[in-house]
Amino acid sequence: MTSRGQQLRRILERGELVIAPGVYDGYSARLVQAAGFETAATSGAAISNSVLGIDDIGVMGLSENVTHCQRLAAAIDIPLTADADTGYGNPMNVHYTVRQFEMAGLAGVNIEDQVHPKRCGHMPGKEVVPLAEMVKKIEAACLARRDDAFMIIARTDALAIEGIDGAVRRVRAYVEAGADMIFPDAARSEEDIKRIVEAAGIPVTINMGFGVRSRPTTPLIPLPDLARMGVRRVSLPRMLPAAAIMGMTRALDCMKEVIRTGKPADRPDLTVGIEDIMQLMGYDEMRALERKLLTTEAIEAKYGR
């Protein structure tokens, strides 16, 4: 049986730029798969925001994260990577963390070099651990996995603290420690990305955030340009939660107008239909399974009651 890590590696081995939308619930995960994307990545910020209703400041714990990611991975057939923050402690904690995510059915995990508790990579006030400590975390992560295909994605937030030279030094050390992919978060320019790609020599993934909207901390670089730079994967962690927030806000505004005027609104431009939800969530497959498992007439006719 092909593992999710093997699935992801085969996709990356094709050499094409891979786009991984960020997912955070069953709807977003199934929508990404239904849209034809071959892989996805959980957004730790989106999970923290949507499940706990709080900012991404390292409050969400390991068990909460793993349990949620396990459910997302089980809901889809495409490989899914998880955001494991700092690994939830020292290298021993990282060892346990990687085991948990691998058993949960993920294809790989991000482990970052921020001080624990971390904060969103695009927020001010970040701090990074010493290089040697992060190297041991990567070694622990590689040692922990039972399937060598399970991907260890080493994220560095050093660009904002140590500049490009410090980030490049860390990237080289993380690759030597066994990382399978490098994730320089909050890359500030195309030149930074080029230097990271050149230093890494292994696949590099870039966070494009909203994907269809610019933001101050990372330029919105055309995907063909990223591919020419040698970037292998682009993640879009904020795109779907931001789109959902906008859609829900518009629907609520419409409902407030309905309340004010007393006139019903038939606005198919604001919501999908119930049939769309049923199709997305596999209602037909579940009904077929019910007919197979809950219908007893044929068995009773053969064996009696």
Protein backbone atom coordinates (compact mmCIF):
# COMPACT_ATOMS: atom_id res chain seq x y z
CA MET A 1 0.00 0.00 0.00
CA THR A 2 1.34 3.43 -0.99
CA SER A 3 1.74 5.78 1.97
CA ARG A 4 0.71 9.42 1.84
CA GLY A 5 4.36 10.40 2.08
CA GLN A 6 5.16 8.28 -0.96
CA GLN A 7 2.26 9.86 -2.83
CA LEU A 8 3.59 13.34 -2.12
CA ARG A 9 7.15 12.44 -3.08
CA ARG A 10 5.99 11.03 -6.41
CA ILE A 11 4.15 14.27 -7.14
CA LEU A 12 7.26 16.31 -6.31
CA GLU A 13 9.52 14.02 -8.35
CA ARG A 14 7.73 15.08 -11.53
CA GLY A 15 9.58 18.39 -11.27
CA GLU A 16 6.49 20.55 -11.77
CA LEU A 17 5.50 23.37 -9.44
CA VAL A 18 3.06 21.91 -6.90
CA ILE A 19 0.29 24.10 -5.46
CA ALA A 20 -0.93 23.16 -1.98
CA PRO A 21 -3.98 25.14 -0.80
CA GLY A 22 -4.30 25.49 2.95
CA VAL A 23 -7.16 23.55 4.54
CA TYR A 24 -8.65 23.73 8.01
CA ASP A 25 -11.99 21.84 8.01
CA GLY A 26 -13.88 19.11 6.16
CA TYR A 27 -15.41 21.52 3.65
CA SER A 28 -12.10 23.10 2.65
CA ALA A 29 -10.31 19.74 2.45
CA ARG A 30 -12.96 18.18 0.22
CA LEU A 31 -13.21 21.31 -1.94
CA VAL A 32 -9.47 21.24 -2.63
CA GLN A 33 -9.65 17.62 -3.70
CA ALA A 34 -12.81 18.19 -5.76
CA ALA A 35 -11.13 21.10 -7.54
CA GLY A 36 -8.43 18.74 -8.77
CA PHE A 37 -5.49 19.79 -6.59
CA GLU A 38 -3.13 16.87 -5.96
CA THR A 39 -2.06 17.86 -2.46
CA ALA A 40 -2.98 20.19 0.39
CA ALA A 41 -1.45 21.56 3.57
CA THR A 42 -3.11 22.30 6.87
CA SER A 43 -2.89 25.87 8.06
CA GLY A 44 -2.03 25.99 11.73
CA ALA A 45 -3.22 29.59 11.88
CA ALA A 46 -6.55 28.73 10.25
CA ILE A 47 -7.10 25.75 12.57
CA SER A 48 -6.28 27.84 15.63
CA ASN A 49 -8.53 30.67 14.39
CA SER A 50 -11.48 28.49 13.34
CA VAL A 51 -11.44 25.75 15.98
CA LEU A 52 -10.34 27.70 19.04
CA GLY A 53 -11.35 31.19 17.95
CA ILE A 54 -7.97 32.65 18.93
CA ASP A 55 -4.91 34.08 17.24
CA ASP A 56 -2.01 31.89 16.09
CA ILE A 57 0.24 32.46 19.10
CA GLY A 58 1.13 28.88 20.05
CA VAL A 59 -1.84 28.21 22.34
CA MET A 60 -3.17 25.23 20.36
CA GLY A 61 -1.71 22.04 21.76
CA LEU A 62 -0.34 18.91 20.13
CA SER A 63 -3.37 16.71 20.81
CA GLU A 64 -5.80 19.32 19.47
CA ASN A 65 -3.71 19.73 16.32
CA VAL A 66 -3.12 16.02 15.66
CA THR A 67 -6.75 15.06 16.25
CA HIS A 68 -7.99 17.72 13.86
CA CYS A 69 -5.40 16.88 11.19
CA GLN A 70 -6.18 13.17 11.45
CA ARG A 71 -9.82 13.89 10.62
CA LEU A 72 -8.86 16.06 7.67
CA ALA A 73 -6.48 13.43 6.29
CA ALA A 74 -9.17 10.77 6.60
CA ALA A 75 -11.68 12.91 4.68
CA ILE A 76 -9.61 13.06 1.47
CA ASP A 77 -7.50 10.81 -0.73
CA ILE A 78 -4.77 13.30 -1.63
CA PRO A 79 -1.63 13.68 0.53
CA LEU A 80 -1.87 16.28 3.27
CA THR A 81 0.97 17.87 5.22
CA ALA A 82 0.50 19.29 8.70
CA ASP A 83 1.77 22.36 10.49
CA ALA A 84 3.43 21.02 13.64
CA ASP A 85 4.62 24.43 14.86
CA THR A 86 7.89 24.09 16.83
CA GLY A 87 7.38 20.39 17.46
CA TYR A 88 5.93 21.33 20.86
CA GLY A 89 9.18 21.46 22.80
CA ASN A 90 12.69 20.07 22.72
CA PRO A 91 14.05 17.32 20.39
CA MET A 92 12.43 14.61 22.56
CA ASN A 93 9.07 16.31 22.14
CA VAL A 94 9.69 16.58 18.39
CA HIS A 95 10.33 12.82 18.24
CA TYR A 96 6.96 12.14 19.84
CA THR A 97 5.22 14.81 17.75
CA VAL A 98 6.40 13.31 14.46
CA ARG A 99 5.26 9.84 15.53
CA GLN A 100 1.81 11.23 16.31
CA PHE A 101 1.37 12.99 12.97
CA GLU A 102 2.69 10.02 11.00
CA MET A 103 0.25 7.66 12.74
CA ALA A 104 -2.53 10.18 12.00
CA GLY A 105 -2.12 9.60 8.26
CA LEU A 106 -0.29 12.77 7.23
CA ALA A 107 2.27 12.93 4.42
CA GLY A 108 4.70 15.12 6.36
CA VAL A 109 5.05 17.94 8.87
CA ASN A 110 6.48 21.44 9.12
CA ILE A 111 8.83 21.89 12.06
CA GLU A 112 9.90 25.49 12.60
CA ASP A 113 12.81 27.14 14.36
CA GLN A 114 10.84 29.67 16.37
CA VAL A 115 11.05 29.86 20.13
CA HIS A 116 8.17 28.00 21.80
CA PRO A 117 5.43 29.14 22.07
CA LYS A 118 5.56 30.36 18.48
CA ARG A 119 3.54 33.01 16.72
CA CYS A 120 2.26 33.42 13.18
CA GLY A 121 5.21 33.79 10.83
CA HIS A 122 3.88 37.08 9.49
CA MET A 123 3.45 38.71 12.91
CA PRO A 124 6.09 40.93 14.56
CA GLY A 125 7.95 39.83 17.66
CA LYS A 126 9.21 36.44 16.43
CA GLU A 127 12.27 34.81 17.96
CA VAL A 128 14.27 31.82 16.75
CA VAL A 129 16.07 29.11 18.70
CA PRO A 130 19.83 28.60 18.33
CA LEU A 131 20.81 26.85 15.10
CA ALA A 132 22.22 23.84 16.98
CA GLU A 133 18.93 23.27 18.79
CA MET A 134 16.96 23.24 15.54
CA VAL A 135 19.46 20.86 13.96
CA LYS A 136 18.82 18.40 16.78
CA LYS A 137 15.06 18.80 16.27
CA ILE A 138 15.39 17.88 12.60
CA GLU A 139 17.56 14.90 13.48
CA ALA A 140 14.95 13.83 16.04
CA ALA A 141 12.18 14.19 13.47
CA CYS A 142 14.01 12.06 10.90
CA LEU A 143 14.82 9.42 13.50
CA ALA A 144 11.21 9.26 14.69
CA ARG A 145 9.50 8.48 11.41
CA ARG A 146 8.82 4.84 10.64
CA ASP A 147 8.26 5.49 6.94
CA ASP A 148 11.27 7.14 5.30
CA ALA A 149 8.89 8.75 2.80
CA PHE A 150 7.20 10.79 5.56
CA MET A 151 8.45 14.29 4.78
CA ILE A 152 10.26 16.47 7.29
CA ILE A 153 9.76 20.07 6.18
CA ALA A 154 12.18 22.39 7.97
CA ARG A 155 10.71 25.86 8.29
CA THR A 156 12.91 28.80 9.16
CA ASP A 157 11.67 32.17 10.39
CA ALA A 158 15.22 33.55 10.48
CA LEU A 159 14.76 35.96 7.58
CA ALA A 160 13.00 38.44 9.85
CA ILE A 161 15.57 38.11 12.66
CA GLU A 162 18.94 37.20 11.15
CA GLY A 163 18.50 38.39 7.57
CA ILE A 164 19.20 36.42 4.41
CA ASP A 165 22.75 35.44 5.40
CA GLY A 166 21.56 33.92 8.68
CA ALA A 167 18.69 32.17 6.94
CA VAL A 168 21.02 30.68 4.32
CA ARG A 169 23.35 29.41 7.05
CA ARG A 170 20.42 27.74 8.76
CA VAL A 171 19.09 26.25 5.52
CA ARG A 172 22.41 24.54 4.81
CA ALA A 173 22.55 23.14 8.34
CA TYR A 174 18.95 21.90 8.19
CA VAL A 175 19.57 20.12 4.89
CA GLU A 176 22.66 18.44 6.34
CA ALA A 177 20.58 17.35 9.36
CA GLY A 178 18.24 15.43 7.04
CA ALA A 179 15.36 17.78 6.13
CA ASP A 180 13.43 16.75 3.00
CA MET A 181 12.14 20.22 2.16
CA ILE A 182 12.96 23.78 3.19
CA PHE A 183 10.27 26.34 4.05
CA PRO A 184 11.57 29.93 4.46
CA ASP A 185 8.54 31.71 5.85
CA ALA A 186 7.78 35.36 5.14
CA ALA A 187 10.23 35.54 2.23
CA ARG A 188 10.59 39.23 1.47
CA SER A 189 11.81 39.27 -2.12
CA GLU A 190 12.57 37.22 -5.20
CA GLU A 191 16.27 37.61 -4.45
CA ASP A 192 15.80 36.04 -1.00
CA ILE A 193 13.96 33.11 -2.55
CA LYS A 194 16.66 32.59 -5.19
CA ARG A 195 19.37 32.47 -2.54
CA ILE A 196 17.40 30.02 -0.41
CA VAL A 197 16.77 27.72 -3.38
CA GLU A 198 20.45 27.83 -4.36
CA ALA A 199 21.59 27.10 -0.80
CA ALA A 200 19.12 24.28 -0.20
CA GLY A 201 19.70 21.90 -3.09
CA ILE A 202 16.49 20.11 -2.04
CA PRO A 203 12.84 21.07 -2.68
CA VAL A 204 11.86 24.51 -1.38
CA THR A 205 8.28 25.49 -0.55
CA ILE A 206 7.13 29.11 -0.50
CA ASN A 207 4.13 30.50 1.40
CA MET A 208 2.06 32.72 -0.90
CA GLY A 209 -0.54 33.37 1.78
CA PHE A 210 -3.80 34.50 0.21
CA GLY A 211 -2.65 33.47 -3.27
CA VAL A 212 -5.12 35.78 -5.02
CA ARG A 213 -4.47 38.89 -2.95
CA SER A 214 -1.26 40.66 -1.96
CA ARG A 215 -0.13 41.25 1.62
CA PRO A 216 2.65 43.35 3.15
CA THR A 217 5.01 40.60 4.30
CA THR A 218 5.40 38.52 1.12
CA PRO A 219 5.19 39.76 -2.47
CA LEU A 220 2.61 38.15 -4.75
CA ILE A 221 5.06 36.56 -7.21
CA PRO A 222 3.71 34.97 -10.43
CA LEU A 223 3.75 31.19 -10.23
CA PRO A 224 5.78 30.76 -13.45
CA ASP A 225 8.46 33.04 -11.98
CA LEU A 226 8.63 30.92 -8.82
CA ALA A 227 8.95 27.79 -10.95
CA ARG A 228 11.82 29.36 -12.91
CA MET A 229 13.55 30.17 -9.61
CA GLY A 230 13.46 26.46 -8.76
CA VAL A 231 10.69 26.56 -6.15
CA ARG A 232 8.99 23.15 -6.00
CA ARG A 233 5.87 23.83 -3.92
CA VAL A 234 3.70 26.85 -3.15
CA SER A 235 1.33 26.81 -0.18
CA LEU A 236 -1.73 29.06 0.12
CA PRO A 237 -2.60 28.82 3.82
CA ARG A 238 -4.80 31.91 4.08
CA MET A 239 -6.72 31.77 0.79
CA LEU A 240 -9.63 29.51 1.72
CA PRO A 241 -10.29 30.81 5.25
CA ALA A 242 -10.15 34.39 3.94
CA ALA A 243 -12.57 33.51 1.12
CA ALA A 244 -14.90 31.78 3.59
CA ILE A 245 -14.86 34.79 5.92
CA MET A 246 -15.75 37.11 3.04
CA GLY A 247 -18.56 34.82 1.88
CA MET A 248 -20.02 34.43 5.36
CA THR A 249 -19.80 38.18 5.98
CA ARG A 250 -21.73 38.91 2.79
CA ALA A 251 -24.41 36.34 3.62
CA LEU A 252 -24.82 37.77 7.12
CA ASP A 253 -25.10 41.30 5.74
CA CYS A 254 -27.83 40.08 3.38
CA MET A 255 -29.66 38.39 6.26
CA LYS A 256 -29.54 41.60 8.29
CA GLU A 257 -31.18 43.37 5.36
CA VAL A 258 -33.88 40.66 5.26
CA ILE A 259 -34.53 41.24 8.96
CA ARG A 260 -34.69 45.00 8.45
CA THR A 261 -37.08 44.92 5.48
CA GLY A 262 -39.06 41.78 6.28
CA LYS A 263 -38.68 40.70 2.65
CA PRO A 264 -37.14 37.29 1.88
CA ALA A 265 -34.08 37.25 -0.36
CA ASP A 266 -33.42 34.54 -2.93
CA ARG A 267 -29.68 34.98 -3.47
CA PRO A 268 -28.07 31.95 -5.13
CA ASP A 269 -25.00 34.14 -5.70
CA LEU A 270 -24.36 34.07 -1.94
CA THR A 271 -24.66 30.37 -1.14
CA VAL A 272 -24.40 27.00 -2.82
CA GLY A 273 -27.47 24.77 -2.84
CA ILE A 274 -28.11 21.83 -0.54
CA GLU A 275 -27.47 19.51 -3.49
CA ASP A 276 -23.96 20.97 -3.82
CA ILE A 277 -23.24 20.28 -0.16
CA MET A 278 -24.55 16.74 -0.47
CA GLN A 279 -22.40 16.07 -3.51
CA LEU A 280 -19.27 17.54 -1.91
CA MET A 281 -19.69 15.48 1.27
CA GLY A 282 -20.39 12.20 -0.53
CA TYR A 283 -24.03 11.70 0.42
CA ASP A 284 -24.67 9.37 -2.56
CA GLU A 285 -21.80 7.10 -1.55
CA MET A 286 -23.06 6.96 2.02
CA ARG A 287 -26.61 6.14 0.92
CA ALA A 288 -25.24 3.33 -1.29
CA LEU A 289 -23.29 1.96 1.68
CA GLU A 290 -26.43 2.12 3.83
CA ARG A 291 -28.37 0.15 1.25
CA LYS A 292 -25.64 -2.47 1.22
CA LEU A 293 -25.21 -2.78 4.98
CA LEU A 294 -28.65 -2.01 6.37
CA THR A 295 -30.84 -3.95 3.92
CA THR A 296 -31.41 -7.52 5.20
CA GLU A 297 -34.08 -8.93 2.86
CA ALA A 298 -31.72 -11.01 0.73
CA ILE A 299 -29.97 -12.53 3.76
CA GLU A 300 -33.27 -13.28 5.50
CA ALA A 301 -34.58 -14.95 2.35
CA LYS A 302 -31.53 -17.23 2.20
CA TYR A 303 -31.03 -18.02 5.88
CA GLY A 304 -34.28 -17.04 7.55
CA ARG A 305 -34.70 -14.53 10.35
